[in-house]
Amino acid sequence: MNRIKSILVALAAVVMVSCVNETPVVKYLEVTPNNLAGQWELVEWSGAELDADSYFYIDLVRKERKFTIYQNFDSMSDYPHVVTGEFNIEMDVELGAIIRGIYDYDEGFWAHEYEVNNLTESSMEWVATDDPSFVQKFKRIPSIPENLKD
C-alpha cells in the first residue's frame, strides 16, 4: 500500500511540475477591421523602443475604416501632429493581411503598406511590405491620452 501511495505522490508531483513549466498559449486573432479597431500605441520601431519624449498613437475605427494618428515625430513634443484618413485591409496570397491607408487633406498614401502579424488582443506588429526590416510593434491601450485630443 505504501508503494502505491508513493507512486501516486510521484505522479502528482510530475503533473504539477509539468503544469508549472508550460508556456502560456498565445491566441492570435484574424486580421479584420473588427479585431484591429481600437487605440494603439507604437512601442517599438525597427527593433528600438521610442525615445521617452516621442509618441505615436493610432485610433482605428472599424465601421468607417477611419484612422486618427497623434504623433510628435515631426512636431514639437508638446504639440501633437494629428492626421486623419481611411485605411483598408486586403488579403495577399503570399503575405497575408495587408493594411494600407490614405491621409485626408491631399496628404497622399501612407509611406508603406504593412503586413499585419502576430495580432493578439493586446499587441500586433506591422512589417513594411517593401522593407521587411521596417517593423513597428504596437500595444493596445484603453484610450488615447486626453491632453493630445485638444
N, C-alpha and C. Protein backbone atom coordinates (compact mmCIF):
# COMPACT_ATOMS: atom_id res chain seq x y z
N MET A 1 0.82 -1.19 0.00
CA MET A 1 0.00 0.00 0.00
C MET A 1 0.87 1.26 0.00
N ASN A 2 1.97 1.24 0.77
CA ASN A 2 2.86 2.39 0.79
C ASN A 2 3.47 2.65 -0.58
N ARG A 3 3.74 1.55 -1.28
CA ARG A 3 4.32 1.69 -2.61
C ARG A 3 3.34 2.38 -3.57
N ILE A 4 2.07 2.07 -3.50
CA ILE A 4 1.05 2.70 -4.33
C ILE A 4 0.94 4.18 -3.99
N LYS A 5 0.94 4.51 -2.71
CA LYS A 5 0.90 5.91 -2.27
C LYS A 5 2.11 6.67 -2.80
N SER A 6 3.27 6.07 -2.75
CA SER A 6 4.49 6.70 -3.25
C SER A 6 4.40 6.97 -4.75
N ILE A 7 3.86 6.01 -5.48
CA ILE A 7 3.71 6.18 -6.92
C ILE A 7 2.72 7.30 -7.22
N LEU A 8 1.59 7.34 -6.50
CA LEU A 8 0.58 8.39 -6.71
C LEU A 8 1.14 9.77 -6.37
N VAL A 9 1.90 9.87 -5.30
CA VAL A 9 2.51 11.15 -4.92
C VAL A 9 3.51 11.57 -6.00
N ALA A 10 4.30 10.64 -6.50
CA ALA A 10 5.28 10.94 -7.54
C ALA A 10 4.58 11.41 -8.82
N LEU A 11 3.48 10.75 -9.20
CA LEU A 11 2.73 11.15 -10.38
C LEU A 11 2.13 12.55 -10.21
N ALA A 12 1.60 12.81 -9.03
CA ALA A 12 1.03 14.14 -8.76
C ALA A 12 2.10 15.21 -8.86
N ALA A 13 3.29 14.92 -8.35
CA ALA A 13 4.40 15.88 -8.42
C ALA A 13 4.79 16.15 -9.87
N VAL A 14 4.84 15.09 -10.68
CA VAL A 14 5.20 15.24 -12.10
C VAL A 14 4.16 16.09 -12.81
N VAL A 15 2.88 15.85 -12.55
CA VAL A 15 1.82 16.62 -13.17
C VAL A 15 1.90 18.08 -12.77
N MET A 16 2.14 18.37 -11.49
CA MET A 16 2.24 19.75 -11.03
C MET A 16 3.43 20.45 -11.65
N VAL A 17 4.57 19.80 -11.72
CA VAL A 17 5.76 20.40 -12.31
C VAL A 17 5.55 20.65 -13.80
N SER A 18 4.93 19.71 -14.50
CA SER A 18 4.71 19.90 -15.93
C SER A 18 3.74 21.03 -16.18
N CYS A 19 2.76 21.24 -15.31
CA CYS A 19 1.82 22.35 -15.46
C CYS A 19 2.50 23.68 -15.22
N VAL A 20 3.40 23.75 -14.27
CA VAL A 20 4.11 24.98 -13.95
C VAL A 20 5.03 25.38 -15.10
N ASN A 21 5.65 24.41 -15.77
CA ASN A 21 6.63 24.69 -16.81
C ASN A 21 6.00 24.95 -18.18
N GLU A 22 4.70 24.82 -18.32
CA GLU A 22 4.07 25.07 -19.60
C GLU A 22 4.14 26.54 -19.95
N THR A 23 4.45 26.82 -21.21
CA THR A 23 4.42 28.20 -21.66
C THR A 23 2.98 28.57 -22.00
N PRO A 24 2.60 29.79 -21.71
CA PRO A 24 1.22 30.18 -21.99
C PRO A 24 0.94 30.14 -23.50
N VAL A 25 -0.26 29.75 -23.83
CA VAL A 25 -0.67 29.68 -25.23
C VAL A 25 -1.09 31.08 -25.67
N VAL A 26 -0.51 31.53 -26.76
CA VAL A 26 -0.86 32.85 -27.30
C VAL A 26 -1.99 32.67 -28.29
N LYS A 27 -3.04 33.44 -28.11
CA LYS A 27 -4.19 33.36 -29.01
C LYS A 27 -4.07 34.47 -30.05
N TYR A 28 -3.75 34.08 -31.28
CA TYR A 28 -3.66 35.04 -32.36
C TYR A 28 -5.03 35.24 -32.99
N LEU A 29 -5.30 36.48 -33.36
CA LEU A 29 -6.59 36.83 -33.94
C LEU A 29 -6.48 36.98 -35.45
N GLU A 30 -7.58 36.74 -36.13
CA GLU A 30 -7.64 37.01 -37.56
C GLU A 30 -7.56 38.52 -37.76
N VAL A 31 -6.87 38.96 -38.79
CA VAL A 31 -6.74 40.39 -39.06
C VAL A 31 -7.99 40.85 -39.80
N THR A 32 -8.85 41.52 -39.06
CA THR A 32 -10.09 42.09 -39.60
C THR A 32 -10.24 43.49 -39.04
N PRO A 33 -11.04 44.34 -39.68
CA PRO A 33 -11.27 45.66 -39.11
C PRO A 33 -11.80 45.60 -37.68
N ASN A 34 -12.63 44.61 -37.39
CA ASN A 34 -13.17 44.46 -36.05
C ASN A 34 -12.07 44.18 -35.03
N ASN A 35 -11.14 43.28 -35.35
CA ASN A 35 -10.07 42.93 -34.41
C ASN A 35 -9.00 44.01 -34.31
N LEU A 36 -8.87 44.84 -35.33
CA LEU A 36 -7.90 45.94 -35.28
C LEU A 36 -8.46 47.19 -34.61
N ALA A 37 -9.78 47.29 -34.58
CA ALA A 37 -10.41 48.50 -34.06
C ALA A 37 -9.97 48.79 -32.64
N GLY A 38 -9.73 50.06 -32.38
CA GLY A 38 -9.34 50.49 -31.04
C GLY A 38 -8.14 51.41 -31.08
N GLN A 39 -7.61 51.68 -29.90
CA GLN A 39 -6.49 52.59 -29.76
C GLN A 39 -5.21 51.80 -29.53
N TRP A 40 -4.15 52.21 -30.22
CA TRP A 40 -2.87 51.52 -30.18
C TRP A 40 -1.74 52.52 -29.97
N GLU A 41 -0.73 52.09 -29.25
CA GLU A 41 0.46 52.90 -29.03
C GLU A 41 1.65 52.21 -29.68
N LEU A 42 2.42 52.95 -30.47
CA LEU A 42 3.64 52.41 -31.05
C LEU A 42 4.68 52.31 -29.94
N VAL A 43 5.21 51.12 -29.71
CA VAL A 43 6.18 50.93 -28.62
C VAL A 43 7.57 50.57 -29.13
N GLU A 44 7.66 50.12 -30.38
CA GLU A 44 8.97 49.75 -30.92
C GLU A 44 8.98 50.02 -32.41
N TRP A 45 10.10 50.58 -32.87
CA TRP A 45 10.25 50.93 -34.27
C TRP A 45 11.56 50.34 -34.77
N SER A 46 11.48 49.38 -35.67
CA SER A 46 12.66 48.72 -36.24
C SER A 46 13.64 48.23 -35.18
N GLY A 47 13.12 47.59 -34.15
CA GLY A 47 13.95 46.98 -33.12
C GLY A 47 14.34 47.88 -31.98
N ALA A 48 13.96 49.13 -32.02
CA ALA A 48 14.32 50.06 -30.94
C ALA A 48 13.07 50.66 -30.32
N GLU A 49 13.10 50.81 -29.00
CA GLU A 49 11.99 51.48 -28.32
C GLU A 49 12.00 52.95 -28.69
N LEU A 50 10.83 53.59 -28.61
CA LEU A 50 10.75 55.02 -28.88
C LEU A 50 11.45 55.79 -27.78
N ASP A 51 11.99 56.95 -28.14
CA ASP A 51 12.56 57.84 -27.13
C ASP A 51 11.48 58.22 -26.13
N ALA A 52 11.88 58.53 -24.92
CA ALA A 52 10.92 58.83 -23.85
C ALA A 52 10.02 60.01 -24.20
N ASP A 53 10.52 60.96 -24.98
CA ASP A 53 9.70 62.14 -25.29
C ASP A 53 8.97 62.02 -26.64
N SER A 54 9.07 60.87 -27.29
CA SER A 54 8.37 60.64 -28.55
C SER A 54 7.13 59.79 -28.32
N TYR A 55 6.11 60.04 -29.15
CA TYR A 55 4.92 59.21 -29.07
C TYR A 55 4.25 59.11 -30.43
N PHE A 56 3.51 58.02 -30.59
CA PHE A 56 2.72 57.76 -31.79
C PHE A 56 1.56 56.90 -31.35
N TYR A 57 0.35 57.41 -31.51
CA TYR A 57 -0.87 56.68 -31.19
C TYR A 57 -1.73 56.64 -32.45
N ILE A 58 -2.42 55.54 -32.64
CA ILE A 58 -3.36 55.44 -33.75
C ILE A 58 -4.68 54.88 -33.23
N ASP A 59 -5.74 55.53 -33.65
CA ASP A 59 -7.10 55.10 -33.31
C ASP A 59 -7.72 54.58 -34.60
N LEU A 60 -8.03 53.29 -34.63
CA LEU A 60 -8.63 52.66 -35.81
C LEU A 60 -10.11 52.44 -35.56
N VAL A 61 -10.95 52.98 -36.42
CA VAL A 61 -12.40 52.88 -36.28
C VAL A 61 -12.91 51.87 -37.31
N ARG A 62 -13.48 50.79 -36.81
CA ARG A 62 -13.89 49.65 -37.63
C ARG A 62 -14.92 50.01 -38.69
N LYS A 63 -16.04 50.53 -38.28
CA LYS A 63 -17.18 50.68 -39.18
C LYS A 63 -16.87 51.59 -40.36
N GLU A 64 -16.27 52.73 -40.09
CA GLU A 64 -15.98 53.68 -41.16
C GLU A 64 -14.62 53.44 -41.79
N ARG A 65 -13.84 52.54 -41.19
CA ARG A 65 -12.46 52.28 -41.62
C ARG A 65 -11.66 53.59 -41.68
N LYS A 66 -11.82 54.36 -40.63
CA LYS A 66 -11.12 55.63 -40.49
C LYS A 66 -10.03 55.48 -39.44
N PHE A 67 -9.04 56.35 -39.53
CA PHE A 67 -7.99 56.38 -38.51
C PHE A 67 -7.70 57.81 -38.12
N THR A 68 -7.20 57.97 -36.91
CA THR A 68 -6.64 59.24 -36.44
C THR A 68 -5.31 58.90 -35.80
N ILE A 69 -4.28 59.62 -36.23
CA ILE A 69 -2.93 59.44 -35.68
C ILE A 69 -2.57 60.68 -34.89
N TYR A 70 -2.02 60.46 -33.70
CA TYR A 70 -1.49 61.52 -32.85
C TYR A 70 -0.01 61.20 -32.67
N GLN A 71 0.87 62.07 -33.16
CA GLN A 71 2.29 61.79 -33.04
C GLN A 71 3.08 63.10 -32.96
N ASN A 72 4.30 62.99 -32.44
CA ASN A 72 5.15 64.18 -32.36
C ASN A 72 6.49 63.97 -33.05
N PHE A 73 6.53 63.08 -34.01
CA PHE A 73 7.80 62.82 -34.72
C PHE A 73 8.23 64.03 -35.54
N ASP A 74 7.25 64.76 -36.08
CA ASP A 74 7.59 65.90 -36.93
C ASP A 74 7.00 67.21 -36.39
N SER A 75 6.88 67.27 -35.06
CA SER A 75 6.40 68.49 -34.42
C SER A 75 7.09 68.62 -33.06
N MET A 76 6.89 69.75 -32.41
CA MET A 76 7.45 69.91 -31.07
C MET A 76 6.75 68.93 -30.14
N SER A 77 7.46 68.40 -29.18
CA SER A 77 6.92 67.32 -28.35
C SER A 77 5.67 67.70 -27.57
N ASP A 78 5.48 68.99 -27.28
CA ASP A 78 4.29 69.40 -26.53
C ASP A 78 3.04 69.51 -27.41
N TYR A 79 3.23 69.53 -28.73
CA TYR A 79 2.12 69.74 -29.64
C TYR A 79 2.02 68.55 -30.60
N PRO A 80 0.95 67.79 -30.48
CA PRO A 80 0.84 66.63 -31.36
C PRO A 80 0.52 67.04 -32.80
N HIS A 81 1.00 66.26 -33.71
CA HIS A 81 0.60 66.39 -35.10
C HIS A 81 -0.51 65.36 -35.28
N VAL A 82 -1.70 65.84 -35.58
CA VAL A 82 -2.87 64.96 -35.71
C VAL A 82 -3.22 64.84 -37.18
N VAL A 83 -3.29 63.62 -37.67
CA VAL A 83 -3.69 63.38 -39.05
C VAL A 83 -4.80 62.33 -39.07
N THR A 84 -5.66 62.46 -40.05
CA THR A 84 -6.79 61.55 -40.18
C THR A 84 -6.80 60.96 -41.58
N GLY A 85 -7.58 59.93 -41.75
CA GLY A 85 -7.72 59.33 -43.06
C GLY A 85 -8.49 58.04 -43.01
N GLU A 86 -8.34 57.24 -44.04
CA GLU A 86 -9.03 55.97 -44.16
C GLU A 86 -8.02 54.86 -44.35
N PHE A 87 -8.36 53.67 -43.83
CA PHE A 87 -7.50 52.51 -44.01
C PHE A 87 -8.29 51.39 -44.65
N ASN A 88 -7.55 50.44 -45.21
CA ASN A 88 -8.17 49.29 -45.82
C ASN A 88 -7.31 48.06 -45.52
N ILE A 89 -7.93 46.92 -45.42
CA ILE A 89 -7.23 45.66 -45.21
C ILE A 89 -7.54 44.75 -46.38
N GLU A 90 -6.50 44.21 -46.96
CA GLU A 90 -6.67 43.27 -48.08
C GLU A 90 -5.85 42.02 -47.78
N MET A 91 -6.31 40.91 -48.30
CA MET A 91 -5.57 39.66 -48.13
C MET A 91 -4.70 39.42 -49.35
N ASP A 92 -3.43 39.17 -49.11
CA ASP A 92 -2.47 38.82 -50.15
C ASP A 92 -2.15 37.34 -50.00
N VAL A 93 -2.17 36.60 -51.10
CA VAL A 93 -1.97 35.15 -51.04
C VAL A 93 -0.62 34.81 -50.39
N GLU A 94 0.42 35.56 -50.71
CA GLU A 94 1.75 35.26 -50.18
C GLU A 94 2.03 35.92 -48.84
N LEU A 95 1.59 37.15 -48.65
CA LEU A 95 1.97 37.92 -47.47
C LEU A 95 0.95 37.87 -46.34
N GLY A 96 -0.29 37.57 -46.65
CA GLY A 96 -1.34 37.58 -45.62
C GLY A 96 -2.07 38.91 -45.62
N ALA A 97 -2.47 39.36 -44.43
CA ALA A 97 -3.26 40.58 -44.30
C ALA A 97 -2.37 41.81 -44.48
N ILE A 98 -2.80 42.70 -45.36
CA ILE A 98 -2.06 43.93 -45.66
C ILE A 98 -2.95 45.11 -45.29
N ILE A 99 -2.39 46.05 -44.50
CA ILE A 99 -3.12 47.28 -44.18
C ILE A 99 -2.44 48.42 -44.94
N ARG A 100 -3.27 49.30 -45.49
CA ARG A 100 -2.78 50.48 -46.18
C ARG A 100 -3.71 51.63 -45.86
N GLY A 101 -3.22 52.82 -46.01
CA GLY A 101 -4.05 53.96 -45.68
C GLY A 101 -3.80 55.14 -46.59
N ILE A 102 -4.76 56.04 -46.57
CA ILE A 102 -4.64 57.30 -47.30
C ILE A 102 -5.05 58.41 -46.33
N TYR A 103 -4.24 59.46 -46.31
CA TYR A 103 -4.50 60.59 -45.43
C TYR A 103 -5.56 61.50 -46.03
N ASP A 104 -6.30 62.16 -45.17
CA ASP A 104 -7.22 63.21 -45.61
C ASP A 104 -6.41 64.44 -46.02
N TYR A 105 -7.08 65.39 -46.63
CA TYR A 105 -6.50 66.70 -46.95
C TYR A 105 -5.32 66.60 -47.91
N ASP A 106 -5.43 65.75 -48.93
CA ASP A 106 -4.44 65.65 -50.01
C ASP A 106 -3.03 65.36 -49.53
N GLU A 107 -2.88 64.65 -48.41
CA GLU A 107 -1.54 64.30 -47.94
C GLU A 107 -1.06 62.99 -48.55
N GLY A 108 -1.89 62.28 -49.29
CA GLY A 108 -1.46 61.10 -50.01
C GLY A 108 -1.54 59.81 -49.20
N PHE A 109 -0.93 58.79 -49.77
CA PHE A 109 -0.94 57.46 -49.16
C PHE A 109 0.12 57.35 -48.07
N TRP A 110 -0.07 56.36 -47.18
CA TRP A 110 0.97 56.05 -46.20
C TRP A 110 2.27 55.76 -46.95
N ALA A 111 3.38 55.96 -46.30
CA ALA A 111 4.69 55.72 -46.92
C ALA A 111 4.88 54.25 -47.26
N HIS A 112 4.22 53.36 -46.52
CA HIS A 112 4.36 51.92 -46.74
C HIS A 112 3.00 51.25 -46.64
N GLU A 113 2.91 50.07 -47.22
CA GLU A 113 1.84 49.13 -46.93
C GLU A 113 2.45 48.14 -45.95
N TYR A 114 1.63 47.58 -45.04
CA TYR A 114 2.18 46.75 -43.98
C TYR A 114 1.49 45.40 -43.88
N GLU A 115 2.30 44.35 -43.70
CA GLU A 115 1.76 43.06 -43.29
C GLU A 115 1.41 43.22 -41.82
N VAL A 116 0.24 42.77 -41.42
CA VAL A 116 -0.13 42.79 -40.00
C VAL A 116 0.13 41.39 -39.47
N ASN A 117 1.05 41.28 -38.53
CA ASN A 117 1.46 39.98 -37.99
C ASN A 117 1.22 39.92 -36.48
N ASN A 118 1.10 38.70 -35.99
CA ASN A 118 1.04 38.43 -34.55
C ASN A 118 0.00 39.29 -33.83
N LEU A 119 -1.17 39.43 -34.43
CA LEU A 119 -2.25 40.19 -33.81
C LEU A 119 -2.85 39.40 -32.65
N THR A 120 -2.80 39.99 -31.46
CA THR A 120 -3.47 39.43 -30.29
C THR A 120 -4.42 40.50 -29.75
N GLU A 121 -5.07 40.21 -28.66
CA GLU A 121 -5.95 41.21 -28.07
C GLU A 121 -5.18 42.43 -27.58
N SER A 122 -3.88 42.25 -27.30
CA SER A 122 -3.11 43.34 -26.69
C SER A 122 -1.92 43.84 -27.51
N SER A 123 -1.60 43.21 -28.63
CA SER A 123 -0.43 43.66 -29.39
C SER A 123 -0.52 43.23 -30.85
N MET A 124 0.32 43.86 -31.67
CA MET A 124 0.42 43.49 -33.08
C MET A 124 1.72 44.05 -33.63
N GLU A 125 2.11 43.53 -34.79
CA GLU A 125 3.29 44.02 -35.49
C GLU A 125 2.90 44.39 -36.92
N TRP A 126 3.48 45.47 -37.41
CA TRP A 126 3.33 45.85 -38.80
C TRP A 126 4.71 45.77 -39.44
N VAL A 127 4.80 45.08 -40.57
CA VAL A 127 6.06 44.95 -41.30
C VAL A 127 5.85 45.54 -42.69
N ALA A 128 6.69 46.51 -43.06
CA ALA A 128 6.56 47.15 -44.37
C ALA A 128 6.77 46.12 -45.47
N THR A 129 5.86 46.08 -46.43
CA THR A 129 5.95 45.09 -47.50
C THR A 129 7.15 45.34 -48.40
N ASP A 130 7.59 46.59 -48.50
CA ASP A 130 8.73 46.91 -49.36
C ASP A 130 10.06 46.95 -48.61
N ASP A 131 10.02 46.77 -47.29
CA ASP A 131 11.24 46.79 -46.48
C ASP A 131 11.01 45.97 -45.21
N PRO A 132 11.25 44.66 -45.25
CA PRO A 132 10.96 43.79 -44.10
C PRO A 132 11.74 44.14 -42.83
N SER A 133 12.76 44.99 -42.94
CA SER A 133 13.48 45.41 -41.73
C SER A 133 12.74 46.54 -41.00
N PHE A 134 11.74 47.12 -41.66
CA PHE A 134 10.96 48.20 -41.05
C PHE A 134 9.76 47.59 -40.34
N VAL A 135 9.91 47.37 -39.04
CA VAL A 135 8.90 46.69 -38.22
C VAL A 135 8.42 47.65 -37.14
N GLN A 136 7.12 47.75 -37.01
CA GLN A 136 6.52 48.57 -35.96
C GLN A 136 5.73 47.65 -35.04
N LYS A 137 5.98 47.77 -33.73
CA LYS A 137 5.23 46.98 -32.75
C LYS A 137 4.33 47.91 -31.97
N PHE A 138 3.08 47.47 -31.83
CA PHE A 138 2.06 48.26 -31.14
C PHE A 138 1.52 47.48 -29.95
N LYS A 139 1.06 48.23 -28.96
CA LYS A 139 0.30 47.62 -27.87
C LYS A 139 -1.04 48.35 -27.78
N ARG A 140 -2.07 47.58 -27.44
CA ARG A 140 -3.40 48.16 -27.30
C ARG A 140 -3.44 48.95 -26.00
N ILE A 141 -4.09 50.09 -26.04
CA ILE A 141 -4.24 50.93 -24.85
C ILE A 141 -5.72 51.22 -24.65
N PRO A 142 -6.11 51.55 -23.41
CA PRO A 142 -7.53 51.81 -23.16
C PRO A 142 -8.05 53.04 -23.88
N SER A 143 -7.20 54.07 -24.04
CA SER A 143 -7.62 55.28 -24.74
C SER A 143 -6.40 56.13 -25.07
N ILE A 144 -6.58 57.01 -26.03
CA ILE A 144 -5.55 57.99 -26.39
C ILE A 144 -5.49 59.00 -25.24
N PRO A 145 -4.31 59.43 -24.81
CA PRO A 145 -4.24 60.43 -23.74
C PRO A 145 -5.07 61.67 -24.09
N GLU A 146 -5.88 62.09 -23.15
CA GLU A 146 -6.81 63.21 -23.36
C GLU A 146 -6.10 64.51 -23.74
N ASN A 147 -4.91 64.75 -23.20
CA ASN A 147 -4.23 66.01 -23.48
C ASN A 147 -3.81 66.12 -24.94
N LEU A 148 -3.83 65.04 -25.69
CA LEU A 148 -3.48 65.08 -27.10
C LEU A 148 -4.68 65.39 -27.99
N LYS A 149 -5.86 65.24 -27.45
CA LYS A 149 -7.08 65.41 -28.24
C LYS A 149 -7.58 66.85 -28.28
N ASP A 150 -6.97 67.72 -27.55
CA ASP A 150 -7.44 69.13 -27.51
C ASP A 150 -7.03 69.91 -28.72
